C-alpha atoms as a PDB file:
ATOM      1  CA  MET A   1     -11.773  -2.225  -2.401  1.00  0.00           C
ATOM      2  CA  ALA A   2     -12.879  -1.498   0.943  1.00  0.00           C
ATOM      3  CA  PHE A   3     -11.032   0.774   3.204  1.00  0.00           C
ATOM      4  CA  TYR A   4     -11.154   0.136   6.942  1.00  0.00           C
ATOM      5  CA  ALA A   5      -9.562   1.547  10.201  1.00  0.00           C
ATOM      6  CA  GLY A   6      -9.573   0.657  13.975  1.00  0.00           C
ATOM      7  CA  ASP A   7      -7.671   0.845  17.053  1.00  0.00           C
ATOM      8  CA  ASP A   8      -8.426  -2.976  18.086  1.00  0.00           C
ATOM      9  CA  ALA A   9      -6.046  -5.377  16.041  1.00  0.00           C
ATOM     10  CA  ASP A  10      -8.186  -8.497  16.521  1.00  0.00           C
ATOM     11  CA  ALA A  11     -11.356  -6.598  15.172  1.00  0.00           C
ATOM     12  CA  LYS A  12      -9.242  -5.385  12.284  1.00  0.00           C
ATOM     13  CA  ALA A  13      -8.172  -9.013  11.572  1.00  0.00           C
ATOM     14  CA  ALA A  14     -11.737 -10.178  11.683  1.00  0.00           C
ATOM     15  CA  VAL A  15     -13.076  -7.389   9.233  1.00  0.00           C
ATOM     16  CA  ALA A  16     -10.056  -8.044   6.903  1.00  0.00           C
ATOM     17  CA  GLY A  17     -10.849 -11.914   7.033  1.00  0.00           C
ATOM     18  CA  LEU A  18     -14.547 -11.159   6.243  1.00  0.00           C
ATOM     19  CA  LEU A  19     -13.656  -9.020   3.404  1.00  0.00           C
ATOM     20  CA  ASP A  20     -11.285 -11.427   1.845  1.00  0.00           C
ATOM     21  CA  ALA A  21     -13.942 -14.340   2.200  1.00  0.00           C
ATOM     22  CA  PHE A  22     -16.225 -12.163   0.154  1.00  0.00           C
ATOM     23  CA  GLY A  23     -13.446 -11.603  -2.459  1.00  0.00           C
ATOM     24  CA  ILE A  24     -13.140  -8.016  -1.439  1.00  0.00           C
ATOM     25  CA  ALA A  25      -9.669  -6.334  -1.359  1.00  0.00           C
ATOM     26  CA  ALA A  26      -9.136  -4.577   1.717  1.00  0.00           C
ATOM     27  CA  LEU A  27      -6.734  -1.627   2.679  1.00  0.00           C
ATOM     28  CA  ASP A  28      -5.869  -1.058   6.550  1.00  0.00           C
ATOM     29  CA  LEU A  29      -5.699   2.655   6.879  1.00  0.00           C
ATOM     30  CA  GLY A  30      -4.434   2.550  10.590  1.00  0.00           C
ATOM     31  CA  GLY A  31      -5.944   3.773  13.636  1.00  0.00           C
ATOM     32  CA  LEU A  32      -9.362   5.469  14.112  1.00  0.00           C
ATOM     33  CA  ARG A  33      -7.658   8.746  14.305  1.00  0.00           C
ATOM     34  CA  GLU A  34      -5.596   8.627  11.082  1.00  0.00           C
ATOM     35  CA  GLY A  35      -7.648   6.376   9.101  1.00  0.00           C
ATOM     36  CA  GLY A  36     -10.999   7.711  10.268  1.00  0.00           C
ATOM     37  CA  ARG A  37     -10.123  11.136   9.287  1.00  0.00           C
ATOM     38  CA  LEU A  38      -9.489  10.001   5.595  1.00  0.00           C
ATOM     39  CA  MET A  39     -12.815   8.374   5.334  1.00  0.00           C
ATOM     40  CA  GLN A  40     -14.723  10.785   6.935  1.00  0.00           C
ATOM     41  CA  LEU A  41     -16.935  13.634   5.249  1.00  0.00           C
ATOM     42  CA  ASP A  42     -14.642  15.818   3.245  1.00  0.00           C
ATOM     43  CA  GLY A  43     -11.558  13.364   3.997  1.00  0.00           C
ATOM     44  CA  ALA A  44      -9.176  12.568   1.172  1.00  0.00           C
ATOM     45  CA  LEU A  45     -11.063   9.111   0.787  1.00  0.00           C
ATOM     46  CA  SER A  46     -14.711  10.191   1.403  1.00  0.00           C
ATOM     47  CA  ALA A  47     -16.980   8.479  -1.145  1.00  0.00           C
ATOM     48  CA  LYS A  48     -13.849   6.906  -3.158  1.00  0.00           C
ATOM     49  CA  HIS A  49     -14.413   3.482  -4.249  1.00  0.00           C
ATOM     50  CA  LEU A  50     -11.541   1.622  -6.059  1.00  0.00           C
ATOM     51  CA  LEU A  51     -12.498  -1.086  -8.672  1.00  0.00           C
ATOM     52  CA  LEU A  52      -9.976  -3.781  -9.236  1.00  0.00           C
ATOM     53  CA  GLN A  53     -10.415  -5.784 -12.424  1.00  0.00           C
ATOM     54  CA  ASP A  54      -8.869  -8.927 -13.529  1.00  0.00           C
ATOM     55  CA  VAL A  55      -6.972  -7.902 -16.706  1.00  0.00           C
ATOM     56  CA  GLY A  56      -5.763 -11.482 -17.541  1.00  0.00           C
END
């Protein structure tokens, strides 16, 4: 899973589309102020990677 954040809706849609095309689950964290803070060093999601597995 990849996290992304941004203030430009068109750019975020493009990133989400690219991630989807590569088969990567994406989670929109909102704007740069909120989402960026979560991803920056010492943020709640800093260096976190979520792996999704097919259990079927």
